[in-house]
């Protein structure tokens, strides 16, 4: 599968400690199809690049929205100078299970 690229705003969860980027609906559909049947609570392992920073994490299904959300850890936000509301250019690659 080819890399998936998109840009979306960084947002804060209601508790104020976690930051996420929402994967667009059309790409969420592609990820759901390509990742196969869901396991556990539906997380999908990915490799992510934002700017010069690359890491491995999981996408999580968004409750009631039908798309995935990508957690963006503090080390990445600091390294890339990201603040809440900033547009985040993301490149995703699915990691085979």
PDB file of N, CA and C in Angstrom:
ATOM      1  N   UNK A   1       0.836  -1.183   0.000  1.00  0.00           N
ATOM      2  CA  UNK A   1       0.000   0.000   0.000  1.00  0.00           C
ATOM      3  C   UNK A   1       0.880   1.245   0.000  1.00  0.00           C
ATOM      4  N   UNK A   2       0.481   2.232  -0.758  1.00  0.00           N
ATOM      5  CA  UNK A   2       1.201   3.502  -0.802  1.00  0.00           C
ATOM      6  C   UNK A   2       0.991   4.281   0.495  1.00  0.00           C
ATOM      7  N   UNK A   3       1.906   5.215   0.738  1.00  0.00           N
ATOM      8  CA  UNK A   3       1.740   6.108   1.881  1.00  0.00           C
ATOM      9  C   UNK A   3       0.488   6.952   1.687  1.00  0.00           C
ATOM     10  N   UNK A   4      -0.133   7.316   2.794  1.00  0.00           N
ATOM     11  CA  UNK A   4      -1.306   8.190   2.789  1.00  0.00           C
ATOM     12  C   UNK A   4      -0.886   9.536   3.363  1.00  0.00           C
ATOM     13  N   UNK A   5      -1.216  10.603   2.664  1.00  0.00           N
ATOM     14  CA  UNK A   5      -0.826  11.941   3.118  1.00  0.00           C
ATOM     15  C   UNK A   5      -2.056  12.827   3.256  1.00  0.00           C
ATOM     16  N   UNK A   6      -2.046  13.646   4.290  1.00  0.00           N
ATOM     17  CA  UNK A   6      -3.125  14.608   4.515  1.00  0.00           C
ATOM     18  C   UNK A   6      -2.630  15.681   5.476  1.00  0.00           C
ATOM     19  N   UNK A   7      -3.373  16.748   5.561  1.00  0.00           N
ATOM     20  CA  UNK A   7      -3.111  17.809   6.532  1.00  0.00           C
ATOM     21  C   UNK A   7      -4.402  18.066   7.291  1.00  0.00           C
ATOM     22  N   UNK A   8      -4.295  18.126   8.618  1.00  0.00           N
ATOM     23  CA  UNK A   8      -5.468  18.364   9.460  1.00  0.00           C
ATOM     24  C   UNK A   8      -5.011  19.096  10.723  1.00  0.00           C
ATOM     25  N   UNK A   9      -5.933  19.828  11.372  1.00  0.00           N
ATOM     26  CA  UNK A   9      -5.548  20.586  12.566  1.00  0.00           C
ATOM     27  C   UNK A   9      -5.285  19.695  13.785  1.00  0.00           C
ATOM     28  N   UNK A  10      -4.351  20.139  14.612  1.00  0.00           N
ATOM     29  CA  UNK A  10      -4.060  19.495  15.884  1.00  0.00           C
ATOM     30  C   UNK A  10      -5.124  19.944  16.887  1.00  0.00           C
ATOM     31  N   UNK A  11      -5.703  18.992  17.611  1.00  0.00           N
ATOM     32  CA  UNK A  11      -6.718  19.353  18.597  1.00  0.00           C
ATOM     33  C   UNK A  11      -6.456  18.641  19.916  1.00  0.00           C
ATOM     34  N   UNK A  12      -7.020  19.197  20.964  1.00  0.00           N
ATOM     35  CA  UNK A  12      -6.843  18.718  22.328  1.00  0.00           C
ATOM     36  C   UNK A  12      -8.103  17.975  22.771  1.00  0.00           C
ATOM     37  N   UNK A  13      -7.927  16.845  23.460  1.00  0.00           N
ATOM     38  CA  UNK A  13      -9.086  16.129  23.972  1.00  0.00           C
ATOM     39  C   UNK A  13      -9.743  16.925  25.099  1.00  0.00           C
ATOM     40  N   UNK A  14     -10.913  16.495  25.495  1.00  0.00           N
ATOM     41  CA  UNK A  14     -11.665  17.241  26.507  1.00  0.00           C
ATOM     42  C   UNK A  14     -10.960  17.281  27.859  1.00  0.00           C
ATOM     43  N   UNK A  15     -10.069  16.314  28.123  1.00  0.00           N
ATOM     44  CA  UNK A  15      -9.334  16.300  29.389  1.00  0.00           C
ATOM     45  C   UNK A  15      -8.145  17.242  29.393  1.00  0.00           C
ATOM     46  N   UNK A  16      -7.757  17.702  28.223  1.00  0.00           N
ATOM     47  CA  UNK A  16      -6.702  18.692  28.125  1.00  0.00           C
ATOM     48  C   UNK A  16      -5.280  18.186  28.081  1.00  0.00           C
ATOM     49  N   UNK A  17      -5.087  16.855  28.035  1.00  0.00           N
ATOM     50  CA  UNK A  17      -3.710  16.373  28.063  1.00  0.00           C
ATOM     51  C   UNK A  17      -3.265  15.687  26.773  1.00  0.00           C
ATOM     52  N   UNK A  18      -4.174  15.064  26.051  1.00  0.00           N
ATOM     53  CA  UNK A  18      -3.830  14.365  24.817  1.00  0.00           C
ATOM     54  C   UNK A  18      -4.105  15.257  23.616  1.00  0.00           C
ATOM     55  N   UNK A  19      -3.245  15.130  22.599  1.00  0.00           N
ATOM     56  CA  UNK A  19      -3.428  15.877  21.347  1.00  0.00           C
ATOM     57  C   UNK A  19      -3.589  14.881  20.204  1.00  0.00           C
ATOM     58  N   UNK A  20      -4.448  15.236  19.251  1.00  0.00           N
ATOM     59  CA  UNK A  20      -4.777  14.342  18.145  1.00  0.00           C
ATOM     60  C   UNK A  20      -4.882  15.111  16.844  1.00  0.00           C
ATOM     61  N   UNK A  21      -4.812  14.354  15.759  1.00  0.00           N
ATOM     62  CA  UNK A  21      -5.154  14.824  14.421  1.00  0.00           C
ATOM     63  C   UNK A  21      -6.179  13.823  13.909  1.00  0.00           C
ATOM     64  N   UNK A  22      -7.258  14.313  13.323  1.00  0.00           N
ATOM     65  CA  UNK A  22      -8.301  13.437  12.792  1.00  0.00           C
ATOM     66  C   UNK A  22      -7.987  13.080  11.346  1.00  0.00           C
ATOM     67  N   UNK A  23      -7.994  11.781  11.060  1.00  0.00           N
ATOM     68  CA  UNK A  23      -7.773  11.296   9.702  1.00  0.00           C
ATOM     69  C   UNK A  23      -9.052  11.569   8.908  1.00  0.00           C
ATOM     70  N   UNK A  24      -8.944  12.171   7.715  1.00  0.00           N
ATOM     71  CA  UNK A  24     -10.142  12.459   6.909  1.00  0.00           C
ATOM     72  C   UNK A  24     -10.954  11.191   6.626  1.00  0.00           C
ATOM     73  N   UNK A  25     -12.258  11.391   6.430  1.00  0.00           N
ATOM     74  CA  UNK A  25     -13.178  10.275   6.215  1.00  0.00           C
ATOM     75  C   UNK A  25     -12.745   9.361   5.075  1.00  0.00           C
ATOM     76  N   UNK A  26     -12.353   9.936   3.930  1.00  0.00           N
ATOM     77  CA  UNK A  26     -12.011   9.089   2.779  1.00  0.00           C
ATOM     78  C   UNK A  26     -10.776   8.237   3.067  1.00  0.00           C
ATOM     79  N   UNK A  27      -9.791   8.789   3.751  1.00  0.00           N
ATOM     80  CA  UNK A  27      -8.603   8.007   4.089  1.00  0.00           C
ATOM     81  C   UNK A  27      -8.896   7.005   5.200  1.00  0.00           C
ATOM     82  N   UNK A  28      -9.791   7.342   6.104  1.00  0.00           N
ATOM     83  CA  UNK A  28     -10.208   6.381   7.135  1.00  0.00           C
ATOM     84  C   UNK A  28     -10.845   5.164   6.483  1.00  0.00           C
ATOM     85  N   UNK A  29     -11.634   5.388   5.436  1.00  0.00           N
ATOM     86  CA  UNK A  29     -12.243   4.265   4.703  1.00  0.00           C
ATOM     87  C   UNK A  29     -11.176   3.387   4.064  1.00  0.00           C
ATOM     88  N   UNK A  30     -10.161   4.002   3.465  1.00  0.00           N
ATOM     89  CA  UNK A  30      -9.054   3.247   2.854  1.00  0.00           C
ATOM     90  C   UNK A  30      -8.321   2.438   3.921  1.00  0.00           C
ATOM     91  N   UNK A  31      -8.020   3.052   5.041  1.00  0.00           N
ATOM     92  CA  UNK A  31      -7.309   2.374   6.127  1.00  0.00           C
ATOM     93  C   UNK A  31      -8.126   1.200   6.646  1.00  0.00           C
ATOM     94  N   UNK A  32      -9.412   1.406   6.841  1.00  0.00           N
ATOM     95  CA  UNK A  32     -10.291   0.341   7.334  1.00  0.00           C
ATOM     96  C   UNK A  32     -10.276  -0.841   6.370  1.00  0.00           C
ATOM     97  N   UNK A  33     -10.321  -0.574   5.067  1.00  0.00           N
ATOM     98  CA  UNK A  33     -10.319  -1.618   4.045  1.00  0.00           C
ATOM     99  C   UNK A  33      -8.970  -2.340   4.009  1.00  0.00           C
ATOM    100  N   UNK A  34      -7.880  -1.578   3.993  1.00  0.00           N
ATOM    101  CA  UNK A  34      -6.539  -2.141   3.848  1.00  0.00           C
ATOM    102  C   UNK A  34      -6.049  -2.866   5.100  1.00  0.00           C
ATOM    103  N   UNK A  35      -6.522  -2.469   6.273  1.00  0.00           N
ATOM    104  CA  UNK A  35      -6.024  -3.070   7.515  1.00  0.00           C
ATOM    105  C   UNK A  35      -6.730  -4.379   7.848  1.00  0.00           C
ATOM    106  N   UNK A  36      -7.804  -4.705   7.144  1.00  0.00           N
ATOM    107  CA  UNK A  36      -8.504  -5.961   7.376  1.00  0.00           C
ATOM    108  C   UNK A  36      -9.422  -5.898   8.578  1.00  0.00           C
ATOM    109  N   UNK A  37      -9.887  -7.075   9.013  1.00  0.00           N
ATOM    110  CA  UNK A  37     -10.834  -7.115  10.133  1.00  0.00           C
ATOM    111  C   UNK A  37     -10.229  -6.492  11.394  1.00  0.00           C
ATOM    112  N   UNK A  38     -11.037  -5.728  12.129  1.00  0.00           N
ATOM    113  CA  UNK A  38     -10.512  -5.085  13.341  1.00  0.00           C
ATOM    114  C   UNK A  38     -10.151  -6.108  14.409  1.00  0.00           C
ATOM    115  N   UNK A  39      -9.127  -5.768  15.181  1.00  0.00           N
ATOM    116  CA  UNK A  39      -8.744  -6.598  16.321  1.00  0.00           C
ATOM    117  C   UNK A  39      -8.864  -5.749  17.577  1.00  0.00           C
ATOM    118  N   UNK A  40      -9.059  -6.403  18.690  1.00  0.00           N
ATOM    119  CA  UNK A  40      -9.153  -5.666  19.954  1.00  0.00           C
ATOM    120  C   UNK A  40     -10.195  -4.574  19.867  1.00  0.00           C
ATOM    121  N   UNK A  41      -9.783  -3.350  20.121  1.00  0.00           N
ATOM    122  CA  UNK A  41     -10.741  -2.236  20.062  1.00  0.00           C
ATOM    123  C   UNK A  41     -10.604  -1.444  18.766  1.00  0.00           C
ATOM    124  N   UNK A  42     -10.006  -2.054  17.742  1.00  0.00           N
ATOM    125  CA  UNK A  42      -9.982  -1.442  16.418  1.00  0.00           C
ATOM    126  C   UNK A  42      -8.770  -0.595  16.092  1.00  0.00           C
ATOM    127  N   UNK A  43      -7.734  -0.618  16.930  1.00  0.00           N
ATOM    128  CA  UNK A  43      -6.525   0.169  16.662  1.00  0.00           C
ATOM    129  C   UNK A  43      -5.791  -0.391  15.446  1.00  0.00           C
ATOM    130  N   UNK A  44      -5.138   0.493  14.704  1.00  0.00           N
ATOM    131  CA  UNK A  44      -4.378   0.117  13.513  1.00  0.00           C
ATOM    132  C   UNK A  44      -2.955   0.636  13.678  1.00  0.00           C
ATOM    133  N   UNK A  45      -1.967  -0.249  13.567  1.00  0.00           N
ATOM    134  CA  UNK A  45      -0.563   0.145  13.720  1.00  0.00           C
ATOM    135  C   UNK A  45      -0.093   0.882  12.469  1.00  0.00           C
ATOM    136  N   UNK A  46       0.615   1.993  12.693  1.00  0.00           N
ATOM    137  CA  UNK A  46       1.106   2.814  11.589  1.00  0.00           C
ATOM    138  C   UNK A  46       2.492   3.368  11.890  1.00  0.00           C
ATOM    139  N   UNK A  47       3.181   3.724  10.811  1.00  0.00           N
ATOM    140  CA  UNK A  47       4.378   4.552  10.906  1.00  0.00           C
ATOM    141  C   UNK A  47       3.956   5.926  10.431  1.00  0.00           C
ATOM    142  N   UNK A  48       4.354   6.950  11.168  1.00  0.00           N
ATOM    143  CA  UNK A  48       3.901   8.313  10.895  1.00  0.00           C
ATOM    144  C   UNK A  48       5.100   9.222  10.700  1.00  0.00           C
ATOM    145  N   UNK A  49       4.994  10.121   9.731  1.00  0.00           N
ATOM    146  CA  UNK A  49       5.979  11.188   9.579  1.00  0.00           C
ATOM    147  C   UNK A  49       5.256  12.522   9.618  1.00  0.00           C
ATOM    148  N   UNK A  50       5.769  13.410  10.449  1.00  0.00           N
ATOM    149  CA  UNK A  50       5.315  14.797  10.525  1.00  0.00           C
ATOM    150  C   UNK A  50       6.576  15.637  10.458  1.00  0.00           C
ATOM    151  N   UNK A  51       6.750  16.350   9.374  1.00  0.00           N
ATOM    152  CA  UNK A  51       7.993  17.102   9.197  1.00  0.00           C
ATOM    153  C   UNK A  51       9.173  16.158   9.185  1.00  0.00           C
ATOM    154  N   UNK A  52      10.177  16.438  10.003  1.00  0.00           N
ATOM    155  CA  UNK A  52      11.382  15.615  10.075  1.00  0.00           C
ATOM    156  C   UNK A  52      11.268  14.490  11.101  1.00  0.00           C
ATOM    157  N   UNK A  53      10.132  14.368  11.762  1.00  0.00           N
ATOM    158  CA  UNK A  53       9.953  13.391  12.831  1.00  0.00           C
ATOM    159  C   UNK A  53       9.152  12.188  12.335  1.00  0.00           C
ATOM    160  N   UNK A  54       9.687  10.984  12.556  1.00  0.00           N
ATOM    161  CA  UNK A  54       9.004   9.748  12.187  1.00  0.00           C
ATOM    162  C   UNK A  54       8.934   8.854  13.419  1.00  0.00           C
ATOM    163  N   UNK A  55       7.774   8.231  13.646  1.00  0.00           N
ATOM    164  CA  UNK A  55       7.595   7.340  14.779  1.00  0.00           C
ATOM    165  C   UNK A  55       6.517   6.313  14.455  1.00  0.00           C
ATOM    166  N   UNK A  56       6.419   5.296  15.313  1.00  0.00           N
ATOM    167  CA  UNK A  56       5.378   4.270  15.183  1.00  0.00           C
ATOM    168  C   UNK A  56       4.377   4.451  16.308  1.00  0.00           C
ATOM    169  N   UNK A  57       3.117   4.278  15.950  1.00  0.00           N
ATOM    170  CA  UNK A  57       2.042   4.422  16.920  1.00  0.00           C
ATOM    171  C   UNK A  57       0.835   3.663  16.378  1.00  0.00           C
ATOM    172  N   UNK A  58      -0.322   3.921  16.928  1.00  0.00           N
ATOM    173  CA  UNK A  58      -1.563   3.335  16.436  1.00  0.00           C
ATOM    174  C   UNK A  58      -2.576   4.430  16.179  1.00  0.00           C
ATOM    175  N   UNK A  59      -3.401   4.196  15.164  1.00  0.00           N
ATOM    176  CA  UNK A  59      -4.591   5.020  14.946  1.00  0.00           C
ATOM    177  C   UNK A  59      -5.707   4.390  15.761  1.00  0.00           C
ATOM    178  N   UNK A  60      -6.607   5.218  16.257  1.00  0.00           N
ATOM    179  CA  UNK A  60      -7.716   4.716  17.049  1.00  0.00           C
ATOM    180  C   UNK A  60      -9.030   5.147  16.423  1.00  0.00           C
ATOM    181  N   UNK A  61     -10.030   4.245  16.430  1.00  0.00           N
ATOM    182  CA  UNK A  61     -11.324   4.644  15.886  1.00  0.00           C
ATOM    183  C   UNK A  61     -11.940   5.737  16.753  1.00  0.00           C
ATOM    184  N   UNK A  62     -12.501   6.729  16.096  1.00  0.00           N
ATOM    185  CA  UNK A  62     -13.141   7.833  16.794  1.00  0.00           C
ATOM    186  C   UNK A  62     -14.565   7.426  17.163  1.00  0.00           C
ATOM    187  N   UNK A  63     -14.902   7.578  18.415  1.00  0.00           N
ATOM    188  CA  UNK A  63     -16.224   7.185  18.887  1.00  0.00           C
ATOM    189  C   UNK A  63     -17.318   7.922  18.126  1.00  0.00           C
ATOM    190  N   UNK A  64     -18.131   7.168  17.415  1.00  0.00           N
ATOM    191  CA  UNK A  64     -19.298   7.722  16.739  1.00  0.00           C
ATOM    192  C   UNK A  64     -19.037   8.509  15.470  1.00  0.00           C
ATOM    193  N   UNK A  65     -17.774   8.704  15.079  1.00  0.00           N
ATOM    194  CA  UNK A  65     -17.503   9.531  13.907  1.00  0.00           C
ATOM    195  C   UNK A  65     -17.159   8.708  12.672  1.00  0.00           C
ATOM    196  N   UNK A  66     -16.744   7.455  12.865  1.00  0.00           N
ATOM    197  CA  UNK A  66     -16.434   6.602  11.733  1.00  0.00           C
ATOM    198  C   UNK A  66     -15.055   6.811  11.134  1.00  0.00           C
ATOM    199  N   UNK A  67     -14.281   7.717  11.679  1.00  0.00           N
ATOM    200  CA  UNK A  67     -12.923   7.899  11.164  1.00  0.00           C
ATOM    201  C   UNK A  67     -11.925   7.585  12.279  1.00  0.00           C
ATOM    202  N   UNK A  68     -10.658   7.690  11.943  1.00  0.00           N
ATOM    203  CA  UNK A  68      -9.597   7.414  12.908  1.00  0.00           C
ATOM    204  C   UNK A  68      -9.003   8.716  13.433  1.00  0.00           C
ATOM    205  N   UNK A  69      -8.404   8.610  14.618  1.00  0.00           N
ATOM    206  CA  UNK A  69      -7.651   9.739  15.165  1.00  0.00           C
ATOM    207  C   UNK A  69      -6.224   9.265  15.420  1.00  0.00           C
ATOM    208  N   UNK A  70      -5.292  10.194  15.216  1.00  0.00           N
ATOM    209  CA  UNK A  70      -3.868   9.936  15.393  1.00  0.00           C
ATOM    210  C   UNK A  70      -3.384  10.697  16.615  1.00  0.00           C
ATOM    211  N   UNK A  71      -2.903   9.998  17.663  1.00  0.00           N
ATOM    212  CA  UNK A  71      -2.333  10.710  18.800  1.00  0.00           C
ATOM    213  C   UNK A  71      -0.981  11.298  18.405  1.00  0.00           C
ATOM    214  N   UNK A  72      -0.721  12.536  18.833  1.00  0.00           N
ATOM    215  CA  UNK A  72       0.551  13.204  18.533  1.00  0.00           C
ATOM    216  C   UNK A  72       1.207  13.509  19.878  1.00  0.00           C
ATOM    217  N   UNK A  73       2.261  12.749  20.175  1.00  0.00           N
ATOM    218  CA  UNK A  73       2.893  12.865  21.495  1.00  0.00           C
ATOM    219  C   UNK A  73       3.644  14.187  21.652  1.00  0.00           C
ATOM    220  N   UNK A  74       3.869  14.550  22.896  1.00  0.00           N
ATOM    221  CA  UNK A  74       4.489  15.834  23.229  1.00  0.00           C
ATOM    222  C   UNK A  74       5.856  15.997  22.580  1.00  0.00           C
ATOM    223  N   UNK A  75       6.658  14.937  22.527  1.00  0.00           N
ATOM    224  CA  UNK A  75       7.997  15.038  21.930  1.00  0.00           C
ATOM    225  C   UNK A  75       7.919  15.446  20.462  1.00  0.00           C
ATOM    226  N   UNK A  76       6.924  14.938  19.751  1.00  0.00           N
ATOM    227  CA  UNK A  76       6.738  15.299  18.338  1.00  0.00           C
ATOM    228  C   UNK A  76       6.280  16.752  18.233  1.00  0.00           C
ATOM    229  N   UNK A  77       5.345  17.149  19.077  1.00  0.00           N
ATOM    230  CA  UNK A  77       4.852  18.534  19.042  1.00  0.00           C
ATOM    231  C   UNK A  77       5.975  19.521  19.312  1.00  0.00           C
ATOM    232  N   UNK A  78       6.819  19.197  20.285  1.00  0.00           N
ATOM    233  CA  UNK A  78       7.962  20.073  20.579  1.00  0.00           C
ATOM    234  C   UNK A  78       8.942  20.116  19.412  1.00  0.00           C
ATOM    235  N   UNK A  79       9.301  18.940  18.890  1.00  0.00           N
ATOM    236  CA  UNK A  79      10.284  18.863  17.803  1.00  0.00           C
ATOM    237  C   UNK A  79       9.820  19.609  16.556  1.00  0.00           C
ATOM    238  N   UNK A  80       8.515  19.593  16.310  1.00  0.00           N
ATOM    239  CA  UNK A  80       7.971  20.213  15.098  1.00  0.00           C
ATOM    240  C   UNK A  80       7.334  21.577  15.356  1.00  0.00           C
ATOM    241  N   UNK A  81       7.361  22.029  16.616  1.00  0.00           N
ATOM    242  CA  UNK A  81       6.817  23.345  16.946  1.00  0.00           C
ATOM    243  C   UNK A  81       5.320  23.447  16.736  1.00  0.00           C
ATOM    244  N   UNK A  82       4.581  22.382  17.070  1.00  0.00           N
ATOM    245  CA  UNK A  82       3.131  22.343  16.838  1.00  0.00           C
ATOM    246  C   UNK A  82       2.351  22.790  18.064  1.00  0.00           C
ATOM    247  N   UNK A  83       1.351  23.617  17.821  1.00  0.00           N
ATOM    248  CA  UNK A  83       0.431  24.085  18.865  1.00  0.00           C
ATOM    249  C   UNK A  83      -0.987  23.712  18.481  1.00  0.00           C
ATOM    250  N   UNK A  84      -1.881  23.692  19.469  1.00  0.00           N
ATOM    251  CA  UNK A  84      -3.288  23.382  19.196  1.00  0.00           C
ATOM    252  C   UNK A  84      -3.809  24.265  18.064  1.00  0.00           C
ATOM    253  N   UNK A  85      -4.509  23.641  17.128  1.00  0.00           N
ATOM    254  CA  UNK A  85      -5.090  24.366  16.005  1.00  0.00           C
ATOM    255  C   UNK A  85      -4.189  24.459  14.788  1.00  0.00           C
ATOM    256  N   UNK A  86      -2.890  24.177  14.952  1.00  0.00           N
ATOM    257  CA  UNK A  86      -1.979  24.234  13.806  1.00  0.00           C
ATOM    258  C   UNK A  86      -2.314  23.145  12.791  1.00  0.00           C
ATOM    259  N   UNK A  87      -2.173  23.443  11.498  1.00  0.00           N
ATOM    260  CA  UNK A  87      -2.320  22.397  10.492  1.00  0.00           C
ATOM    261  C   UNK A  87      -1.108  21.478  10.555  1.00  0.00           C
ATOM    262  N   UNK A  88      -1.368  20.174  10.574  1.00  0.00           N
ATOM    263  CA  UNK A  88      -0.300  19.187  10.695  1.00  0.00           C
ATOM    264  C   UNK A  88      -0.238  18.365   9.410  1.00  0.00           C
ATOM    265  N   UNK A  89       0.862  18.445   8.666  1.00  0.00           N
ATOM    266  CA  UNK A  89       1.025  17.613   7.476  1.00  0.00           C
ATOM    267  C   UNK A  89       1.491  16.213   7.898  1.00  0.00           C
ATOM    268  N   UNK A  90       0.687  15.205   7.583  1.00  0.00           N
ATOM    269  CA  UNK A  90       0.919  13.840   8.054  1.00  0.00           C
ATOM    270  C   UNK A  90       1.142  12.911   6.866  1.00  0.00           C
ATOM    271  N   UNK A  91       2.099  12.002   7.018  1.00  0.00           N
ATOM    272  CA  UNK A  91       2.275  10.895   6.082  1.00  0.00           C
ATOM    273  C   UNK A  91       2.165   9.613   6.906  1.00  0.00           C
ATOM    274  N   UNK A  92       1.234   8.738   6.511  1.00  0.00           N
ATOM    275  CA  UNK A  92       0.994   7.482   7.221  1.00  0.00           C
ATOM    276  C   UNK A  92       1.379   6.294   6.355  1.00  0.00           C
ATOM    277  N   UNK A  93       1.892   5.262   7.005  1.00  0.00           N
ATOM    278  CA  UNK A  93       2.126   3.981   6.345  1.00  0.00           C
ATOM    279  C   UNK A  93       1.614   2.901   7.291  1.00  0.00           C
ATOM    280  N   UNK A  94       0.731   2.031   6.797  1.00  0.00           N
ATOM    281  CA  UNK A  94       0.229   0.939   7.619  1.00  0.00           C
ATOM    282  C   UNK A  94       1.343  -0.054   7.892  1.00  0.00           C
ATOM    283  N   UNK A  95       1.375  -0.580   9.119  1.00  0.00           N
ATOM    284  CA  UNK A  95       2.317  -1.621   9.495  1.00  0.00           C
ATOM    285  C   UNK A  95       1.548  -2.937   9.490  1.00  0.00           C
ATOM    286  N   UNK A  96       1.962  -3.888   8.661  1.00  0.00           N
ATOM    287  CA  UNK A  96       1.238  -5.167   8.603  1.00  0.00           C
ATOM    288  C   UNK A  96       1.217  -5.851   9.965  1.00  0.00           C
ATOM    289  N   UNK A  97       0.069  -6.461  10.271  1.00  0.00           N
ATOM    290  CA  UNK A  97      -0.037  -7.168  11.568  1.00  0.00           C
ATOM    291  C   UNK A  97       0.505  -8.568  11.482  1.00  0.00           C
TER     292      UNK A  97
END
